[in-house]
Amino acid sequence: MKKILVCGAGGFIGGHLISDLRRQGHTNLRAVDKKPFGEWYQKFDDVENFELNLEHLDACEKAVEGCDEVYNLAADMGGMGFIELNKALCMLSVLINTHLLLAAKKFGAKRFFFSSSACVYNADKQRDPNVTALKEADAYPGLPEDGYGWEKLFSERMCRHFREDFGIQTRVARYHNVYGPNGTYDGGREKAPAAVCRKVIKAKLSGNHDIEIWGYGHQTRSFMYIDDCVHGTQMLLNSDFIEPINIGSSEMVSINQLVDLVEDIAGVKLQRRYKLDAPKGVNGRNSDNTLIQKVFGWEPSTKLRAGLERTYAWIYDEIVREQADGTSVVNRS
């Protein structure tokens, strides 16, 4: 049986990926994250679990040795509030991918997945909230998100050249705003859907019916539910398609519309306060799914309302539990 390594397994996407691989019947799994086990969102006793800092080559070699497939989901990252204020930390994730590729070459791993991001796309194409959906060619000429986006774009190229020069079957997905249960929703690294859910829930529970929105709320995004992300990720790794590809929903909404949806789910209406000096990212970003439909006959299809209902319910239960226990959220990112 092939041995599968998931790096970043203590985080949001990695935890869901391990869970899905187990559900499919895979039993030869290795999960790696630098966080202590108690801070992993999902941890399974029937999986080989390692606590390792993959910025270091020796840790990557320990993680990769004996593995046939490598999923690299490990990175120091978060929502816009984190990546705009921590550019150097985001850039240092290049060490993770570089050392994992070197280890994969050394130990003969057959397939290697790298989780890139829509932040690689040229910023000049994202200045209008009514953005034309971003197709894969729009990453060049390069003008990605400073820090985080540059690291992702560089690491994409490294994956390409390790495939060309050393024969490692690398696959690259450009994720667009993944959300869902069992993810970060507080502490500064959360992304917009989780942040909005948290703010609405706390406003509802406290009776203080107002909400802070970063920017004017006109900026647009598409948000992909975690189940679609996990399916698309495995589909890509196990395919013969070798170029970077979008894995994201094409259902675009503004941040104000996102708040509308969560308010409706919660059954409340809040007074909005717009924080215009807060990090807000590009004005518009959406996924063009023409290529993934052509190659795979598939695209992420979970409607935003349905995914938000599940995400809201999980975050609500977590916040109520924390308030009852008198504990604070652990930032597991």
Protein backbone atom coordinates (compact mmCIF):
# COMPACT_ATOMS: atom_id res chain seq x y z
CA MET A 1 0.00 0.00 0.00
CA LYS A 2 1.23 3.50 -0.81
CA LYS A 3 2.13 5.70 2.12
CA ILE A 4 0.61 9.18 2.04
CA LEU A 5 2.08 12.19 3.86
CA VAL A 6 -0.03 15.24 4.71
CA CYS A 7 2.00 18.26 5.82
CA GLY A 8 0.09 20.88 7.77
CA ALA A 9 -2.24 18.14 9.01
CA GLY A 10 -2.96 19.94 12.28
CA GLY A 11 -4.47 22.85 10.40
CA PHE A 12 -7.76 23.41 8.63
CA ILE A 13 -7.38 21.90 5.15
CA GLY A 14 -4.84 19.28 6.22
CA GLY A 15 -7.10 17.98 8.99
CA HIS A 16 -10.02 17.61 6.60
CA LEU A 17 -7.79 15.88 4.05
CA ILE A 18 -6.58 13.30 6.56
CA SER A 19 -10.17 12.75 7.67
CA ASP A 20 -11.29 12.14 4.08
CA LEU A 21 -8.40 9.80 3.28
CA ARG A 22 -9.34 7.72 6.34
CA ARG A 23 -12.97 7.68 5.24
CA GLN A 24 -11.88 6.26 1.87
CA GLY A 25 -10.08 3.41 3.63
CA HIS A 26 -6.47 4.58 3.49
CA THR A 27 -4.60 3.16 6.47
CA ASN A 28 -0.98 4.02 5.70
CA LEU A 29 -1.09 7.72 6.56
CA ARG A 30 1.44 10.10 8.09
CA ALA A 31 0.33 13.49 9.46
CA VAL A 32 2.82 16.27 10.24
CA ASP A 33 2.46 19.72 11.78
CA LYS A 34 4.70 22.00 13.84
CA LYS A 35 1.98 22.75 16.41
CA PRO A 36 1.66 20.65 19.57
CA PHE A 37 -0.83 17.81 19.16
CA GLY A 38 -3.27 19.48 21.56
CA GLU A 39 -3.63 22.37 19.10
CA TRP A 40 -4.47 20.25 16.04
CA TYR A 41 -8.02 20.70 14.79
CA GLN A 42 -8.35 17.03 13.87
CA LYS A 43 -6.03 14.29 15.11
CA PHE A 44 -6.55 10.56 14.66
CA ASP A 45 -4.93 7.84 16.76
CA ASP A 46 -4.77 5.39 13.84
CA VAL A 47 -2.55 7.80 11.87
CA GLU A 48 1.22 8.18 12.29
CA ASN A 49 1.39 11.69 13.77
CA PHE A 50 4.61 13.76 13.92
CA GLU A 51 5.21 17.16 15.48
CA LEU A 52 7.91 18.67 13.23
CA ASN A 53 8.94 22.14 12.06
CA LEU A 54 9.16 21.67 8.31
CA GLU A 55 11.18 24.84 7.78
CA HIS A 56 14.17 22.59 8.56
CA LEU A 57 15.60 20.07 6.08
CA ASP A 58 16.15 17.32 8.66
CA ALA A 59 12.51 17.55 9.74
CA CYS A 60 11.37 17.31 6.11
CA GLU A 61 13.54 14.25 5.56
CA LYS A 62 12.06 12.56 8.62
CA ALA A 63 8.57 13.40 7.38
CA VAL A 64 9.04 12.28 3.76
CA GLU A 65 11.16 9.14 4.19
CA GLY A 66 9.18 6.09 3.11
CA CYS A 67 6.29 8.08 1.63
CA ASP A 68 4.99 7.71 -1.92
CA GLU A 69 2.79 10.81 -2.04
CA VAL A 70 3.28 14.18 -0.37
CA TYR A 71 0.61 16.81 0.17
CA ASN A 72 2.23 20.12 1.12
CA LEU A 73 -0.43 22.19 2.88
CA ALA A 74 1.99 23.62 5.46
CA ALA A 75 2.52 27.38 5.55
CA ASP A 76 2.67 30.30 7.95
CA MET A 77 -0.43 32.15 6.80
CA GLY A 78 -3.87 33.46 7.65
CA GLY A 79 -6.47 35.92 6.45
CA MET A 80 -5.78 39.35 4.99
CA GLY A 81 -5.23 40.84 8.43
CA PHE A 82 -2.30 38.45 8.91
CA ILE A 83 -0.65 38.33 5.50
CA GLU A 84 -0.61 42.10 4.98
CA LEU A 85 1.14 42.63 8.33
CA ASN A 86 3.48 39.60 8.31
CA LYS A 87 5.07 39.55 4.87
CA ALA A 88 8.44 38.21 6.03
CA LEU A 89 6.85 35.33 7.98
CA CYS A 90 4.79 34.41 4.93
CA MET A 91 7.88 34.48 2.70
CA LEU A 92 9.69 32.08 5.03
CA SER A 93 7.24 29.34 4.03
CA VAL A 94 9.46 28.99 0.95
CA LEU A 95 11.76 26.96 3.20
CA ILE A 96 9.01 24.40 3.78
CA ASN A 97 8.33 23.72 0.12
CA THR A 98 12.02 23.83 -0.83
CA HIS A 99 13.05 21.34 1.84
CA LEU A 100 10.08 19.06 1.19
CA LEU A 101 10.97 18.92 -2.52
CA LEU A 102 14.59 18.12 -1.68
CA ALA A 103 13.43 15.35 0.66
CA ALA A 104 11.01 14.02 -1.97
CA LYS A 105 13.88 13.87 -4.46
CA LYS A 106 16.18 12.14 -1.96
CA PHE A 107 13.68 9.45 -0.95
CA GLY A 108 12.00 8.93 -4.32
CA ALA A 109 8.48 10.19 -3.59
CA LYS A 110 6.39 9.70 -6.70
CA ARG A 111 3.85 12.54 -6.42
CA PHE A 112 3.97 15.91 -4.74
CA PHE A 113 1.09 18.37 -4.25
CA PHE A 114 1.65 22.07 -3.51
CA SER A 115 -1.17 24.27 -2.22
CA SER A 116 -0.77 27.61 -3.95
CA SER A 117 -3.19 30.52 -3.76
CA ALA A 118 -5.18 33.00 -5.80
CA CYS A 119 -2.86 35.57 -4.20
CA VAL A 120 -0.40 34.77 -7.02
CA TYR A 121 -2.53 36.64 -9.53
CA ASN A 122 -1.50 39.97 -11.01
CA ALA A 123 -2.88 42.75 -8.79
CA ASP A 124 -3.58 45.01 -11.78
CA LYS A 125 -6.31 42.56 -12.83
CA GLN A 126 -8.04 42.82 -9.40
CA ARG A 127 -8.59 46.55 -8.95
CA ASP A 128 -12.31 46.57 -9.79
CA PRO A 129 -14.90 44.86 -7.54
CA ASN A 130 -16.64 43.81 -10.78
CA VAL A 131 -13.57 41.79 -11.64
CA THR A 132 -13.28 39.55 -14.66
CA ALA A 133 -12.79 36.04 -13.29
CA LEU A 134 -9.12 35.14 -13.04
CA LYS A 135 -7.85 32.48 -15.40
CA GLU A 136 -4.60 30.61 -14.86
CA ALA A 137 -2.62 32.71 -17.38
CA ASP A 138 -3.34 35.84 -15.33
CA ALA A 139 -0.51 35.02 -12.92
CA TYR A 140 1.94 36.49 -15.45
CA PRO A 141 3.44 39.02 -15.83
CA GLY A 142 4.05 38.60 -12.13
CA LEU A 143 2.56 41.12 -9.71
CA PRO A 144 1.24 38.92 -6.88
CA GLU A 145 0.22 39.80 -3.32
CA ASP A 146 3.33 41.14 -1.62
CA GLY A 147 5.01 38.59 0.62
CA TYR A 148 2.54 35.70 0.67
CA GLY A 149 1.73 35.81 -3.05
CA TRP A 150 5.37 36.06 -4.13
CA GLU A 151 6.28 33.04 -2.00
CA LYS A 152 3.48 31.01 -3.58
CA LEU A 153 4.42 32.02 -7.12
CA PHE A 154 8.09 31.21 -6.56
CA SER A 155 7.23 27.85 -5.02
CA GLU A 156 5.00 27.03 -7.99
CA ARG A 157 8.02 27.51 -10.26
CA MET A 158 10.19 25.36 -8.03
CA CYS A 159 7.63 22.55 -8.25
CA ARG A 160 7.67 22.88 -12.03
CA HIS A 161 11.45 22.64 -12.28
CA PHE A 162 11.70 19.71 -9.84
CA ARG A 163 9.27 17.91 -12.14
CA GLU A 164 11.20 18.83 -15.27
CA ASP A 165 14.68 18.20 -13.88
CA PHE A 166 14.14 15.34 -11.42
CA GLY A 167 10.95 13.60 -12.54
CA ILE A 168 8.89 14.23 -9.39
CA GLN A 169 5.25 14.40 -10.46
CA THR A 170 4.37 17.76 -8.94
CA ARG A 171 0.84 19.18 -9.01
CA VAL A 172 -0.15 22.75 -8.09
CA ALA A 173 -3.59 24.05 -7.12
CA ARG A 174 -4.42 27.72 -6.72
CA TYR A 175 -6.94 27.77 -3.90
CA HIS A 176 -9.54 30.52 -3.69
CA ASN A 177 -10.61 31.33 -0.10
CA VAL A 178 -11.34 27.97 1.50
CA TYR A 179 -13.78 27.94 4.45
CA GLY A 180 -15.74 25.50 6.59
CA PRO A 181 -15.93 23.92 10.06
CA ASN A 182 -12.86 22.89 12.06
CA GLY A 183 -10.86 25.96 11.09
CA THR A 184 -9.51 29.18 12.56
CA TYR A 185 -12.20 31.73 13.40
CA ASP A 186 -10.45 33.99 15.93
CA GLY A 187 -7.01 35.17 16.93
CA GLY A 188 -6.01 37.18 13.85
CA ARG A 189 -5.42 34.46 11.24
CA GLU A 190 -9.05 33.76 10.34
CA LYS A 191 -10.43 34.43 6.87
CA ALA A 192 -13.52 36.44 5.98
CA PRO A 193 -16.29 33.77 6.21
CA ALA A 194 -15.14 32.59 9.64
CA ALA A 195 -14.53 36.14 10.86
CA VAL A 196 -17.98 37.28 9.79
CA CYS A 197 -19.62 34.24 11.39
CA ARG A 198 -17.78 34.93 14.65
CA LYS A 199 -18.70 38.61 14.68
CA VAL A 200 -22.38 37.92 13.97
CA ILE A 201 -22.55 35.16 16.59
CA LYS A 202 -20.95 37.31 19.28
CA ALA A 203 -23.22 40.24 18.41
CA LYS A 204 -26.26 37.99 18.67
CA LEU A 205 -25.18 36.39 21.95
CA SER A 206 -24.20 39.70 23.56
CA GLY A 207 -27.20 41.69 22.36
CA ASN A 208 -24.81 44.37 21.06
CA HIS A 209 -26.13 44.36 17.51
CA ASP A 210 -23.33 45.98 15.54
CA ILE A 211 -20.52 44.63 13.37
CA GLU A 212 -17.18 45.99 12.17
CA ILE A 213 -16.44 45.47 8.47
CA TRP A 214 -12.98 46.03 6.99
CA GLY A 215 -13.08 48.51 4.12
CA TYR A 216 -16.33 49.67 2.53
CA GLY A 217 -17.55 46.08 2.08
CA HIS A 218 -17.69 46.46 -1.70
CA GLN A 219 -14.64 44.25 -2.33
CA THR A 220 -15.64 40.97 -3.99
CA ARG A 221 -14.47 37.39 -3.50
CA SER A 222 -15.46 33.79 -4.14
CA PHE A 223 -15.41 31.31 -1.26
CA MET A 224 -14.91 27.54 -1.63
CA TYR A 225 -16.32 25.05 0.86
CA ILE A 226 -13.80 22.64 2.37
CA ASP A 227 -15.38 19.46 0.95
CA ASP A 228 -14.92 20.77 -2.59
CA CYS A 229 -11.33 21.73 -1.79
CA VAL A 230 -10.46 18.27 -0.49
CA HIS A 231 -12.07 16.54 -3.47
CA GLY A 232 -10.37 18.79 -6.01
CA THR A 233 -7.00 18.42 -4.32
CA GLN A 234 -6.99 14.63 -4.52
CA MET A 235 -8.42 14.65 -8.03
CA LEU A 236 -5.56 16.87 -9.20
CA LEU A 237 -2.76 14.93 -7.49
CA ASN A 238 -3.95 11.65 -8.99
CA SER A 239 -4.30 13.11 -12.51
CA ASP A 240 -1.90 13.59 -15.40
CA PHE A 241 -2.50 17.37 -15.52
CA ILE A 242 0.78 19.16 -14.75
CA GLU A 243 0.07 22.91 -14.88
CA PRO A 244 -1.18 25.12 -12.01
CA ILE A 245 -4.97 25.17 -11.92
CA ASN A 246 -7.69 27.09 -10.08
CA ILE A 247 -9.60 25.20 -7.41
CA GLY A 248 -12.22 27.66 -6.27
CA SER A 249 -15.89 28.54 -6.44
CA SER A 250 -17.06 30.89 -9.18
CA GLU A 251 -19.94 32.20 -7.01
CA MET A 252 -18.75 35.77 -6.41
CA VAL A 253 -20.14 37.98 -3.64
CA SER A 254 -19.17 41.27 -2.01
CA ILE A 255 -18.20 41.35 1.64
CA ASN A 256 -21.45 43.20 2.34
CA GLN A 257 -23.37 40.38 0.67
CA LEU A 258 -21.42 37.86 2.75
CA VAL A 259 -22.53 39.69 5.89
CA ASP A 260 -26.12 39.68 4.58
CA LEU A 261 -26.01 35.90 4.24
CA VAL A 262 -24.64 35.29 7.73
CA GLU A 263 -27.13 37.74 9.27
CA ASP A 264 -29.94 35.84 7.56
CA ILE A 265 -28.63 32.51 8.87
CA ALA A 266 -28.42 33.99 12.38
CA GLY A 267 -31.78 35.71 12.20
CA VAL A 268 -30.39 39.12 13.16
CA LYS A 269 -29.79 42.48 11.52
CA LEU A 270 -26.73 44.42 12.64
CA GLN A 271 -25.58 48.00 12.46
CA ARG A 272 -22.47 48.12 10.26
CA ARG A 273 -19.33 50.07 11.12
CA TYR A 274 -16.79 50.33 8.31
CA LYS A 275 -13.11 50.35 9.31
CA LEU A 276 -11.57 52.00 6.28
CA ASP A 277 -7.95 51.77 7.45
CA ALA A 278 -8.07 47.99 8.00
CA PRO A 279 -6.34 45.52 5.63
CA LYS A 280 -8.78 44.63 2.87
CA GLY A 281 -6.70 43.13 0.04
CA VAL A 282 -7.53 43.55 -3.63
CA ASN A 283 -10.86 45.06 -4.69
CA GLY A 284 -12.05 42.04 -6.67
CA ARG A 285 -11.12 38.38 -7.06
CA ASN A 286 -13.01 35.45 -8.55
CA SER A 287 -12.11 32.06 -9.99
CA ASP A 288 -12.39 31.35 -13.71
CA ASN A 289 -13.22 27.63 -13.81
CA THR A 290 -13.06 27.15 -17.59
CA LEU A 291 -9.87 25.09 -17.41
CA ILE A 292 -10.88 22.77 -14.56
CA GLN A 293 -14.23 22.13 -16.26
CA LYS A 294 -12.46 21.31 -19.52
CA VAL A 295 -9.84 19.02 -17.97
CA PHE A 296 -11.87 17.30 -15.25
CA GLY A 297 -15.53 17.98 -16.10
CA TRP A 298 -15.90 19.27 -12.54
CA GLU A 299 -15.78 22.44 -10.48
CA PRO A 300 -16.50 23.30 -6.82
CA SER A 301 -20.28 23.31 -6.53
CA THR A 302 -21.27 23.78 -2.86
CA LYS A 303 -23.44 26.90 -2.71
CA LEU A 304 -22.16 29.59 -0.38
CA ARG A 305 -25.36 29.65 1.66
CA ALA A 306 -25.20 25.89 2.33
CA GLY A 307 -21.53 25.98 3.31
CA LEU A 308 -22.01 29.01 5.55
CA GLU A 309 -24.87 27.32 7.40
CA ARG A 310 -22.59 24.42 8.35
CA THR A 311 -19.70 26.74 9.20
CA TYR A 312 -21.89 29.05 11.28
CA ALA A 313 -23.32 26.12 13.25
CA TRP A 314 -19.85 24.79 14.12
CA ILE A 315 -18.46 28.19 15.15
CA TYR A 316 -21.61 28.91 17.17
CA ASP A 317 -21.19 25.69 19.14
CA GLU A 318 -17.50 26.43 19.71
CA ILE A 319 -18.16 29.95 21.00
CA VAL A 320 -20.98 28.81 23.28
CA ARG A 321 -18.74 26.06 24.67
CA GLU A 322 -15.88 28.48 25.26
CA GLN A 323 -18.14 30.92 27.07
CA ALA A 324 -19.53 28.14 29.23
CA ASP A 325 -16.04 26.84 30.05
CA GLY A 326 -14.51 30.29 30.46
CA THR A 327 -11.81 29.39 27.93
CA SER A 328 -10.45 31.28 24.93
CA VAL A 329 -10.01 29.98 21.41
CA VAL A 330 -6.72 28.30 20.56
CA ASN A 331 -5.26 29.78 17.37
CA ARG A 332 -4.57 26.65 15.36
CA SER A 333 -4.64 28.18 11.84
